[in-house]
Amino acid sequence: MKRAIALAGGGPAVGLSLGALQRLHEEPDIRFDVWTLSCIGAWLGIVWNQAEPGEEVETSLKFFRKIFRRDDIYDRFPVASAFAPDFEATVRNAIAFLIDPNSYRNLVVPDAIVEAGEVCLSYLRTPSQWSVGNFNALLLNQVLAVNPWSRFLTSWIYKSRTRGLSRIYYPDSAFLGQIDFERLSEPGRPVLYHNAYNLTDRRLELFSNTNRKYPPITAETLCACSALPYIEDPVTIGDKAYCEGATVDTVNFKDLLANHPDLDEVWVSRILDVEQIRQPGNLVDALNNLVMLFAATTSEDDVKLFKAHVQGERPDLRVVEIPVAFNIDYDWTWSNLDRSVRDGWDAADGVIAAYRAGQPLPVVQDDPGAAVLEPSAEGDGKSGGGRRPPRRMANPKVTA
């Protein structure tokens, strides 16, 4: 029996895949010869497979708890620990912008200033136009957009050479030093693939630990795999710039069947679902929704398209999809990680039972209107304190 597993992207929902792997690892006869990975799924798959045999779960949990933060720390500093800005480069880029003569072009646009003044006078003379929306538009377009000082500050912030809020690849990083990439090519290790998008040549590319058709997996390629535009600075490998492959292929089925036509089963851990999206309460929530909403829909579409392809080209291939827990959030907190791991374990447990019986897994769903539970006030802020939330999952299928 030759099996593959696909670990999709999904950032702070990674605990769902980690919990699923933990449960699957308890079944001695369920092992995976091929791992196809994207974004955070690549980090999990690589950390898991470079661990000492028998220490996969412990090694992975320890690694990801260093990326997530204690709840009490995250509460007033909602940034994952791996997303460190490049402060030196930011200062260097700011200075380069200041000394570049081109930075001072078009700061004063006389005709635009005259036109803005006329619009402002017309606004003041027309009380029927006095509304919050019109005032905000006036402030943006007839004040800030034409004011040389605000134009300079805005261009300084947005048009210097800084290409991301943070940087994930640092060659001498102790964070990356936790991963032994050489172990991935040791005898007996499975075949691994992860993707990244080549911005220079505008194409999706794969990297592998053993398949020589593709460049080898390294610290650089792994970071490129997660370099989400605007959030993370693109990663340069040679003379090519790369960003997150999950923006194109969230689950990474690329070349899977072509490279391994003898597969009997493909297991899929799609950790995002649109049902996880909540109404934002602040800019942190809104940014997380912006990132995860597209990934949730593309990952679902990726799985549907893959199943359709399998049905037409490989009807003998079995696809086993692990259900997605809805009752998690997108905070990089220890409590969210712990909750996700538990729900991922439960999801895989249900799938294994259905798999053994050869039956579809029934829907597992609590009251759709139930509120998402937060960690209780009694939680210590160092683990997943508080009551465990009700579990809600999508309806997975075991298909042949």
Protein backbone atom coordinates (compact mmCIF):
# COMPACT_ATOMS: atom_id res chain seq x y z
CA MET A 1 0.00 0.00 0.00
CA LYS A 2 1.56 3.25 -1.14
CA ARG A 3 0.12 6.36 0.46
CA ALA A 4 0.57 10.11 0.11
CA ILE A 5 -0.55 12.85 2.45
CA ALA A 6 -1.24 16.46 1.53
CA LEU A 7 -0.83 19.07 4.26
CA ALA A 8 -2.39 22.35 3.18
CA GLY A 9 -1.53 25.91 4.13
CA GLY A 10 -3.43 27.72 6.84
CA GLY A 11 -1.05 29.52 9.20
CA PRO A 12 -2.33 29.46 12.79
CA ALA A 13 -4.68 26.53 12.01
CA VAL A 14 -1.65 24.24 11.69
CA GLY A 15 -2.59 22.49 14.94
CA LEU A 16 -5.39 20.71 13.05
CA SER A 17 -2.83 18.93 10.85
CA LEU A 18 -0.52 18.35 13.79
CA GLY A 19 -3.29 16.71 15.82
CA ALA A 20 -4.32 14.62 12.81
CA LEU A 21 -0.74 13.41 12.33
CA GLN A 22 -0.50 12.59 16.02
CA ARG A 23 -3.59 10.36 15.78
CA LEU A 24 -2.53 8.77 12.47
CA HIS A 25 0.89 8.00 13.92
CA GLU A 26 -0.82 5.81 16.51
CA GLU A 27 -1.85 3.45 13.69
CA PRO A 28 1.25 1.35 12.84
CA ASP A 29 -0.11 0.32 9.45
CA ILE A 30 -0.86 3.88 8.27
CA ARG A 31 2.36 5.47 7.06
CA PHE A 32 2.97 7.87 4.20
CA ASP A 33 5.54 7.36 1.47
CA VAL A 34 4.93 10.75 -0.14
CA TRP A 35 4.25 14.11 1.53
CA THR A 36 3.03 17.03 -0.58
CA LEU A 37 3.10 20.28 1.33
CA SER A 38 2.21 23.96 1.16
CA CYS A 39 2.95 26.95 3.41
CA ILE A 40 2.57 26.03 7.10
CA GLY A 41 1.94 22.45 6.02
CA ALA A 42 5.47 22.43 4.62
CA TRP A 43 6.90 23.52 7.94
CA LEU A 44 4.99 20.80 9.75
CA GLY A 45 5.85 18.09 7.22
CA ILE A 46 9.54 18.96 7.21
CA VAL A 47 9.86 19.34 11.00
CA TRP A 48 7.99 16.06 11.46
CA ASN A 49 10.16 14.11 9.00
CA GLN A 50 13.51 15.43 10.22
CA ALA A 51 12.74 14.39 13.79
CA GLU A 52 14.27 11.33 15.41
CA PRO A 53 12.08 8.26 14.81
CA GLY A 54 9.52 8.02 17.59
CA GLU A 55 9.92 11.70 18.54
CA GLU A 56 7.90 13.25 15.70
CA VAL A 57 4.99 14.45 17.83
CA GLU A 58 7.12 15.87 20.63
CA THR A 59 9.53 17.57 18.23
CA SER A 60 6.74 19.16 16.20
CA LEU A 61 4.81 20.39 19.24
CA LYS A 62 7.95 21.91 20.71
CA PHE A 63 8.79 23.64 17.42
CA PHE A 64 5.38 25.21 16.90
CA ARG A 65 4.98 26.35 20.48
CA LYS A 66 7.99 28.55 19.80
CA ILE A 67 6.18 30.14 16.86
CA PHE A 68 2.93 30.66 18.78
CA ARG A 69 2.89 32.83 21.91
CA ARG A 70 1.59 32.55 25.44
CA ASP A 71 -1.91 33.97 25.55
CA ASP A 72 -1.09 36.73 28.02
CA ILE A 73 1.86 37.90 25.88
CA TYR A 74 -0.09 37.73 22.63
CA ASP A 75 -2.99 39.62 24.18
CA ARG A 76 -1.14 42.95 23.86
CA PHE A 77 1.41 41.92 21.20
CA PRO A 78 -0.57 39.96 18.56
CA VAL A 79 2.34 38.93 16.34
CA ALA A 80 3.73 35.43 15.84
CA SER A 81 7.28 35.09 17.10
CA ALA A 82 8.62 33.96 13.70
CA PHE A 83 7.59 37.19 11.95
CA ALA A 84 10.54 39.42 12.77
CA PRO A 85 10.86 42.66 10.79
CA ASP A 86 14.24 43.42 9.28
CA PHE A 87 14.87 46.61 11.24
CA GLU A 88 18.31 47.24 9.74
CA ALA A 89 17.01 46.90 6.16
CA THR A 90 14.03 49.11 6.96
CA VAL A 91 16.31 51.90 8.17
CA ARG A 92 18.61 51.42 5.19
CA ASN A 93 15.67 51.57 2.78
CA ALA A 94 14.31 54.67 4.48
CA ILE A 95 17.66 56.46 4.15
CA ALA A 96 17.97 55.37 0.52
CA PHE A 97 14.55 56.85 -0.14
CA LEU A 98 15.48 60.14 1.53
CA ILE A 99 18.67 60.64 -0.50
CA ASP A 100 17.13 59.62 -3.83
CA PRO A 101 16.22 62.77 -5.85
CA ASN A 102 13.37 60.87 -7.49
CA SER A 103 11.63 60.69 -4.10
CA TYR A 104 10.90 64.42 -4.34
CA ARG A 105 9.30 64.40 -7.77
CA ASN A 106 5.61 65.36 -8.02
CA LEU A 107 5.32 66.36 -4.37
CA VAL A 108 3.76 69.66 -5.46
CA VAL A 109 1.09 69.34 -8.15
CA PRO A 110 -0.23 72.92 -8.58
CA ASP A 111 -3.31 72.22 -10.67
CA ALA A 112 -4.39 69.45 -8.29
CA ILE A 113 -4.03 71.85 -5.35
CA VAL A 114 -6.14 74.51 -7.10
CA GLU A 115 -8.81 71.97 -7.98
CA ALA A 116 -8.85 70.63 -4.40
CA GLY A 117 -9.32 74.17 -3.07
CA GLU A 118 -12.30 74.70 -5.35
CA VAL A 119 -13.87 71.41 -4.23
CA CYS A 120 -13.37 72.38 -0.57
CA LEU A 121 -15.05 75.78 -1.09
CA SER A 122 -17.95 74.13 -2.90
CA TYR A 123 -18.32 71.66 -0.04
CA LEU A 124 -18.42 74.46 2.55
CA ARG A 125 -21.11 76.28 0.57
CA THR A 126 -23.32 73.19 0.22
CA PRO A 127 -24.73 72.06 3.58
CA SER A 128 -26.64 69.23 1.86
CA GLN A 129 -23.28 67.58 1.20
CA TRP A 130 -22.24 67.68 4.86
CA SER A 131 -22.11 64.02 5.82
CA VAL A 132 -19.54 61.77 7.43
CA GLY A 133 -18.84 59.94 4.19
CA ASN A 134 -18.42 63.10 2.15
CA PHE A 135 -16.22 64.71 4.81
CA ASN A 136 -13.92 61.68 4.97
CA ALA A 137 -13.64 61.61 1.18
CA LEU A 138 -12.87 65.34 1.18
CA LEU A 139 -10.18 64.89 3.82
CA LEU A 140 -8.57 62.06 1.88
CA ASN A 141 -8.75 63.44 -1.65
CA GLN A 142 -8.74 67.24 -1.29
CA VAL A 143 -6.46 67.56 1.75
CA LEU A 144 -4.13 64.61 2.26
CA ALA A 145 -3.77 63.54 -1.38
CA VAL A 146 -2.58 66.99 -2.53
CA ASN A 147 -0.67 68.15 0.55
CA PRO A 148 3.08 67.88 -0.24
CA TRP A 149 3.97 66.82 3.30
CA SER A 150 1.42 64.01 3.54
CA ARG A 151 2.32 62.94 0.00
CA PHE A 152 5.96 62.66 1.02
CA LEU A 153 5.24 60.70 4.20
CA THR A 154 2.89 58.32 2.41
CA SER A 155 5.36 57.64 -0.39
CA TRP A 156 8.15 57.20 2.17
CA ILE A 157 6.16 54.50 3.92
CA TYR A 158 4.78 52.70 0.89
CA LYS A 159 7.34 53.28 -1.87
CA SER A 160 10.68 52.67 -0.23
CA ARG A 161 12.35 49.35 -1.05
CA THR A 162 10.83 47.55 1.94
CA ARG A 163 8.65 44.80 0.42
CA GLY A 164 7.08 43.22 3.49
CA LEU A 165 6.09 43.92 7.06
CA SER A 166 8.50 41.23 8.21
CA ARG A 167 11.18 38.90 6.97
CA ILE A 168 11.18 35.16 7.53
CA TYR A 169 14.52 34.06 6.07
CA TYR A 170 17.68 34.90 7.98
CA PRO A 171 20.63 32.63 7.08
CA ASP A 172 22.02 32.59 10.63
CA SER A 173 18.65 32.26 12.34
CA ALA A 174 18.50 30.14 15.49
CA PHE A 175 14.86 29.53 14.61
CA LEU A 176 15.81 27.81 11.33
CA GLY A 177 18.73 26.13 13.08
CA GLN A 178 16.23 23.90 14.88
CA ILE A 179 15.58 22.05 11.61
CA ASP A 180 18.12 19.51 10.35
CA PHE A 181 17.52 19.59 6.61
CA GLU A 182 20.22 16.98 5.91
CA ARG A 183 18.14 14.36 7.73
CA LEU A 184 15.46 14.65 5.09
CA SER A 185 17.68 12.83 2.59
CA GLU A 186 18.62 9.96 4.90
CA PRO A 187 17.64 6.43 3.79
CA GLY A 188 14.14 5.49 4.83
CA ARG A 189 12.76 9.04 4.83
CA PRO A 190 9.66 9.59 2.67
CA VAL A 191 9.60 11.72 -0.46
CA LEU A 192 8.70 15.32 0.35
CA TYR A 193 7.56 18.14 -1.92
CA HIS A 194 6.70 21.72 -1.16
CA ASN A 195 5.80 24.56 -3.49
CA ALA A 196 6.72 28.21 -3.88
CA TYR A 197 5.77 30.78 -6.50
CA ASN A 198 8.57 32.09 -8.68
CA LEU A 199 7.84 35.81 -9.02
CA THR A 200 10.66 36.32 -11.52
CA ASP A 201 9.50 33.69 -14.01
CA ARG A 202 5.85 33.83 -12.90
CA ARG A 203 5.33 30.12 -12.30
CA LEU A 204 4.68 27.69 -9.47
CA GLU A 205 7.66 25.50 -8.64
CA LEU A 206 8.26 22.42 -6.52
CA PHE A 207 11.18 21.52 -4.27
CA SER A 208 11.95 18.02 -3.01
CA ASN A 209 14.25 16.18 -0.64
CA THR A 210 14.83 13.18 -2.94
CA ASN A 211 13.24 13.75 -6.36
CA ARG A 212 16.06 15.17 -8.48
CA LYS A 213 13.62 16.63 -11.01
CA TYR A 214 13.30 19.52 -8.57
CA PRO A 215 15.70 21.71 -6.57
CA PRO A 216 16.47 20.42 -3.08
CA ILE A 217 14.55 21.51 0.00
CA THR A 218 16.58 23.98 2.04
CA ALA A 219 15.98 26.63 4.67
CA GLU A 220 15.66 29.20 1.87
CA THR A 221 13.07 27.23 -0.09
CA LEU A 222 11.03 26.53 3.03
CA CYS A 223 10.94 30.23 3.89
CA ALA A 224 10.07 31.07 0.27
CA CYS A 225 7.16 28.66 0.59
CA SER A 226 5.65 30.90 3.31
CA ALA A 227 6.63 34.37 2.10
CA LEU A 228 3.09 35.74 1.94
CA PRO A 229 3.10 38.99 -0.10
CA TYR A 230 2.93 42.20 1.94
CA ILE A 231 3.19 40.23 5.21
CA GLU A 232 6.57 38.67 4.41
CA ASP A 233 9.43 39.91 2.27
CA PRO A 234 9.96 37.72 -0.83
CA VAL A 235 12.87 35.29 -0.59
CA THR A 236 15.61 35.50 -3.21
CA ILE A 237 17.14 32.18 -4.28
CA GLY A 238 19.95 32.71 -6.77
CA ASP A 239 18.63 35.45 -9.02
CA LYS A 240 14.96 34.51 -8.59
CA ALA A 241 12.45 36.01 -6.16
CA TYR A 242 9.88 33.70 -4.56
CA CYS A 243 6.73 34.11 -2.53
CA GLU A 244 4.22 31.78 -0.91
CA GLY A 245 3.08 28.96 -3.18
CA ALA A 246 -0.22 28.63 -1.32
CA THR A 247 -1.41 31.80 -3.01
CA VAL A 248 -1.66 29.66 -6.17
CA ASP A 249 -1.99 26.08 -4.88
CA THR A 250 -3.06 25.96 -1.24
CA VAL A 251 -2.99 22.14 -0.94
CA ASN A 252 -0.20 21.43 -3.49
CA PHE A 253 -1.38 18.59 -5.69
CA LYS A 254 1.00 19.72 -8.45
CA ASP A 255 2.69 16.76 -10.25
CA LEU A 256 1.65 14.36 -7.47
CA LEU A 257 0.06 11.73 -9.68
CA ALA A 258 2.55 12.24 -12.49
CA ASN A 259 5.47 11.64 -10.14
CA HIS A 260 3.79 8.76 -8.31
CA PRO A 261 1.36 6.95 -10.62
CA ASP A 262 1.46 3.89 -8.35
CA LEU A 263 -0.22 5.62 -5.40
CA ASP A 264 -3.06 3.68 -3.78
CA GLU A 265 -4.29 6.39 -1.42
CA VAL A 266 -4.03 10.13 -0.94
CA TRP A 267 -4.94 11.55 2.49
CA VAL A 268 -5.75 15.25 2.65
CA SER A 269 -5.54 17.61 5.63
CA ARG A 270 -7.29 20.79 4.51
CA ILE A 271 -7.19 22.91 7.65
CA LEU A 272 -9.11 25.99 6.49
CA ASP A 273 -12.82 26.41 5.87
CA VAL A 274 -14.99 29.47 5.30
CA GLU A 275 -17.04 28.49 8.36
CA GLN A 276 -14.04 29.45 10.49
CA ILE A 277 -14.29 33.09 9.43
CA ARG A 278 -15.74 35.33 12.16
CA GLN A 279 -16.82 38.94 12.14
CA PRO A 280 -13.65 40.93 12.91
CA GLY A 281 -13.42 42.84 16.15
CA ASN A 282 -10.22 44.69 15.33
CA LEU A 283 -7.56 45.10 12.65
CA VAL A 284 -5.79 41.89 13.71
CA ASP A 285 -8.95 39.89 13.06
CA ALA A 286 -9.56 41.73 9.81
CA LEU A 287 -6.04 41.03 8.52
CA ASN A 288 -6.33 37.35 9.47
CA ASN A 289 -9.65 37.14 7.64
CA LEU A 290 -8.14 38.79 4.57
CA VAL A 291 -5.37 36.20 4.44
CA MET A 292 -7.34 33.11 5.44
CA LEU A 293 -10.58 33.69 3.56
CA PHE A 294 -8.99 33.32 0.14
CA ALA A 295 -6.95 30.34 1.31
CA ALA A 296 -10.05 28.65 2.72
CA THR A 297 -11.92 28.91 -0.56
CA THR A 298 -8.95 27.98 -2.76
CA SER A 299 -8.07 24.97 -0.61
CA GLU A 300 -11.64 23.67 -0.84
CA ASP A 301 -11.60 24.20 -4.61
CA ASP A 302 -8.20 22.48 -4.87
CA VAL A 303 -9.58 19.36 -3.19
CA LYS A 304 -12.71 19.34 -5.36
CA LEU A 305 -10.67 19.66 -8.54
CA PHE A 306 -8.27 16.95 -7.43
CA LYS A 307 -11.13 14.57 -6.64
CA ALA A 308 -12.68 15.29 -10.03
CA HIS A 309 -9.34 14.59 -11.71
CA VAL A 310 -8.95 11.35 -9.76
CA GLN A 311 -12.45 10.23 -10.64
CA GLY A 312 -11.73 10.71 -14.33
CA GLU A 313 -8.11 9.56 -14.54
CA ARG A 314 -7.52 7.29 -11.55
CA PRO A 315 -10.84 5.85 -10.32
CA ASP A 316 -8.90 3.17 -8.45
CA LEU A 317 -7.15 5.79 -6.28
CA ARG A 318 -8.68 6.31 -2.85
CA VAL A 319 -8.92 9.87 -1.50
CA VAL A 320 -9.38 10.25 2.24
CA GLU A 321 -10.17 13.79 3.40
CA ILE A 322 -9.77 14.68 7.07
CA PRO A 323 -12.58 16.97 8.25
CA VAL A 324 -11.98 20.59 9.13
CA ALA A 325 -12.82 21.83 12.63
CA PHE A 326 -14.69 25.13 12.58
CA ASN A 327 -14.33 26.18 16.19
CA ILE A 328 -10.80 27.54 16.11
CA ASP A 329 -9.52 31.05 15.58
CA TYR A 330 -6.56 32.53 13.74
CA ASP A 331 -4.63 33.80 16.75
CA TRP A 332 -1.04 32.64 17.19
CA THR A 333 -1.72 31.67 20.81
CA TRP A 334 -0.87 28.56 22.75
CA SER A 335 -4.52 28.03 23.60
CA ASN A 336 -5.49 28.10 19.92
CA LEU A 337 -2.68 25.70 19.08
CA ASP A 338 -3.71 23.31 21.86
CA ARG A 339 -7.36 23.49 20.89
CA SER A 340 -6.52 22.89 17.22
CA VAL A 341 -4.35 19.88 18.05
CA ARG A 342 -7.16 18.34 20.08
CA ASP A 343 -9.71 18.95 17.33
CA GLY A 344 -7.33 17.63 14.69
CA TRP A 345 -6.79 14.48 16.74
CA ASP A 346 -10.55 14.02 17.08
CA ALA A 347 -11.10 14.57 13.35
CA ALA A 348 -8.49 11.98 12.39
CA ASP A 349 -9.88 9.57 14.96
CA GLY A 350 -13.30 9.77 13.33
CA VAL A 351 -11.82 9.38 9.87
CA ILE A 352 -9.85 6.30 10.90
CA ALA A 353 -13.00 4.68 12.25
CA ALA A 354 -14.82 5.41 8.98
CA TYR A 355 -11.80 4.31 6.96
CA ARG A 356 -11.61 0.98 8.75
CA ALA A 357 -15.32 0.44 8.15
CA GLY A 358 -15.17 1.67 4.55
CA GLN A 359 -17.94 4.19 5.23
CA PRO A 360 -18.31 7.98 4.93
CA LEU A 361 -17.82 9.79 8.20
CA PRO A 362 -21.10 11.26 9.50
CA VAL A 363 -21.42 15.00 9.94
CA VAL A 364 -20.05 16.13 13.29
CA GLN A 365 -21.69 19.42 14.16
CA ASP A 366 -22.96 21.21 17.23
CA ASP A 367 -25.52 23.98 17.25
CA PRO A 368 -24.61 26.20 14.25
CA GLY A 369 -25.48 29.24 16.31
CA ALA A 370 -23.25 28.32 19.21
CA ALA A 371 -20.78 31.04 20.13
CA VAL A 372 -17.07 30.42 19.92
CA LEU A 373 -15.71 29.96 23.42
CA GLU A 374 -12.68 31.85 24.52
CA PRO A 375 -10.19 30.64 27.13
CA SER A 376 -11.60 31.23 30.59
CA ALA A 377 -10.39 33.98 32.85
CA GLU A 378 -8.99 31.27 35.10
CA GLY A 379 -6.59 30.17 32.35
CA ASP A 380 -2.95 30.76 33.23
CA GLY A 381 -2.13 32.25 29.85
CA LYS A 382 0.54 29.62 29.37
CA SER A 383 -1.52 26.81 27.93
CA GLY A 384 -5.02 26.27 26.65
CA GLY A 385 -6.78 27.28 29.87
CA GLY A 386 -10.57 27.32 29.89
CA ARG A 387 -13.33 25.04 28.70
CA ARG A 388 -12.90 23.10 25.53
CA PRO A 389 -15.16 24.55 22.80
CA PRO A 390 -17.81 22.44 21.08
CA ARG A 391 -16.43 20.70 18.01
CA ARG A 392 -17.86 21.44 14.59
CA MET A 393 -16.47 19.91 11.43
CA ALA A 394 -17.16 19.73 7.77
CA ASN A 395 -18.49 16.52 6.31
CA PRO A 396 -15.54 14.46 5.07
CA LYS A 397 -15.79 11.65 2.60
CA VAL A 398 -13.82 8.49 2.08
CA THR A 399 -13.99 8.00 -1.66
CA ALA A 400 -12.67 5.28 -3.87
